[in-house]
Protein backbone atom coordinates (compact mmCIF):
# COMPACT_ATOMS: atom_id res chain seq x y z
CA UNK A 1 -32.79 17.24 -9.78
CA UNK A 2 -34.22 17.05 -13.29
CA UNK A 3 -32.21 20.10 -14.43
CA UNK A 4 -28.83 18.77 -13.28
CA UNK A 5 -26.52 17.48 -16.03
CA UNK A 6 -25.54 14.45 -13.97
CA UNK A 7 -27.17 11.73 -11.93
CA UNK A 8 -26.07 9.60 -9.01
CA UNK A 9 -26.95 5.92 -8.81
CA UNK A 10 -25.49 3.51 -6.28
CA UNK A 11 -22.86 6.06 -5.22
CA UNK A 12 -21.63 6.35 -8.83
CA UNK A 13 -21.61 9.65 -10.68
CA UNK A 14 -22.69 9.70 -14.32
CA UNK A 15 -22.76 12.30 -17.04
CA UNK A 16 -21.03 15.66 -17.03
CA UNK A 17 -20.07 15.37 -13.37
CA UNK A 18 -17.97 12.25 -14.06
CA UNK A 19 -16.12 14.06 -16.85
CA UNK A 20 -15.53 17.04 -14.56
CA UNK A 21 -14.16 14.78 -11.81
CA UNK A 22 -11.73 13.10 -14.24
CA UNK A 23 -10.56 16.43 -15.62
CA UNK A 24 -10.03 17.99 -12.21
CA UNK A 25 -8.45 15.06 -10.39
CA UNK A 26 -5.09 15.89 -8.90
CA UNK A 27 -1.98 14.36 -10.38
CA UNK A 28 -0.09 12.63 -7.59
CA UNK A 29 2.64 11.01 -9.66
CA UNK A 30 5.44 12.99 -7.99
CA UNK A 31 4.11 12.08 -4.53
CA UNK A 32 4.02 8.40 -5.46
CA UNK A 33 7.59 8.53 -6.82
CA UNK A 34 8.83 10.21 -3.63
CA UNK A 35 7.01 7.67 -1.46
CA UNK A 36 8.47 4.72 -3.40
CA UNK A 37 11.98 6.16 -3.11
CA UNK A 38 11.57 6.73 0.63
CA UNK A 39 10.04 3.27 1.07
CA UNK A 40 13.11 1.69 -0.52
CA UNK A 41 15.42 3.67 1.76
CA UNK A 42 13.36 2.96 4.88
CA UNK A 43 13.25 -0.73 4.07
CA UNK A 44 17.05 -0.85 3.77
CA UNK A 45 17.81 1.27 6.84
CA UNK A 46 15.01 0.59 9.34
CA UNK A 47 14.11 -3.09 9.01
CA UNK A 48 16.02 -6.01 10.44
CA UNK A 49 17.35 -8.59 7.98
CA UNK A 50 14.59 -11.03 9.01
CA UNK A 51 11.89 -8.38 8.53
CA UNK A 52 13.30 -7.51 5.09
CA UNK A 53 13.33 -11.17 4.11
CA UNK A 54 9.75 -11.79 5.21
CA UNK A 55 8.47 -8.57 3.60
CA UNK A 56 10.15 -9.52 0.34
CA UNK A 57 8.67 -13.00 0.39
CA UNK A 58 5.20 -11.68 1.27
CA UNK A 59 4.90 -8.68 -1.03
CA UNK A 60 7.40 -9.23 -3.85
CA UNK A 61 7.07 -12.98 -4.23
CA UNK A 62 3.35 -12.96 -3.27
CA UNK A 63 3.73 -15.84 -0.84
CA UNK A 64 1.10 -16.41 1.82
CA UNK A 65 1.98 -16.40 5.51
CA UNK A 66 1.53 -20.17 5.57
CA UNK A 67 3.88 -20.64 2.62
CA UNK A 68 6.53 -18.42 4.22
CA UNK A 69 6.25 -20.26 7.53
CA UNK A 70 6.61 -23.61 5.80
CA UNK A 71 9.57 -22.48 3.67
CA UNK A 72 11.50 -21.08 6.64
CA UNK A 73 10.40 -23.58 9.26
CA UNK A 74 8.72 -20.93 11.41
CA UNK A 75 5.37 -20.74 13.13
CA UNK A 76 2.67 -18.88 11.18
CA UNK A 77 2.06 -16.52 14.09
CA UNK A 78 5.76 -15.59 14.19
CA UNK A 79 5.71 -14.76 10.49
CA UNK A 80 2.51 -12.74 10.85
CA UNK A 81 3.80 -10.76 13.87
CA UNK A 82 7.13 -10.04 12.18
CA UNK A 83 5.43 -8.74 9.04
CA UNK A 84 3.02 -6.63 11.12
CA UNK A 85 5.90 -5.10 13.09
CA UNK A 86 7.81 -4.39 9.89
CA UNK A 87 4.79 -2.64 8.35
CA UNK A 88 4.31 -0.57 11.52
CA UNK A 89 7.97 0.40 11.50
CA UNK A 90 7.79 1.46 7.85
CA UNK A 91 4.62 3.42 8.49
CA UNK A 92 6.30 5.33 11.34
CA UNK A 93 9.16 6.22 9.03
CA UNK A 94 6.98 7.20 6.08
CA UNK A 95 3.95 8.82 7.71
CA UNK A 96 5.29 12.30 7.05
CA UNK A 97 5.70 11.49 3.34
CA UNK A 98 2.02 10.59 2.95
């Protein structure tokens, strides 16, 4: 190992190997753009109005499940289950885009 131009400590790569990894990392910008576009479409077409509302409150407004439940007068478990079902539905729609 003394002749290698890199070292590994705590699962981190240092030296020439780190530079090589940065230089050869794949650019996934186009994949991310396509996924975001498809996510927007799937959200509009596949989710119920309630699911869309809760997803928006949770992920766009950064509200906690407790805050959403209090604001809408719902039980926390109802909010949590609805968000989980919405995420599963979106995943089913988008899994081929990943």
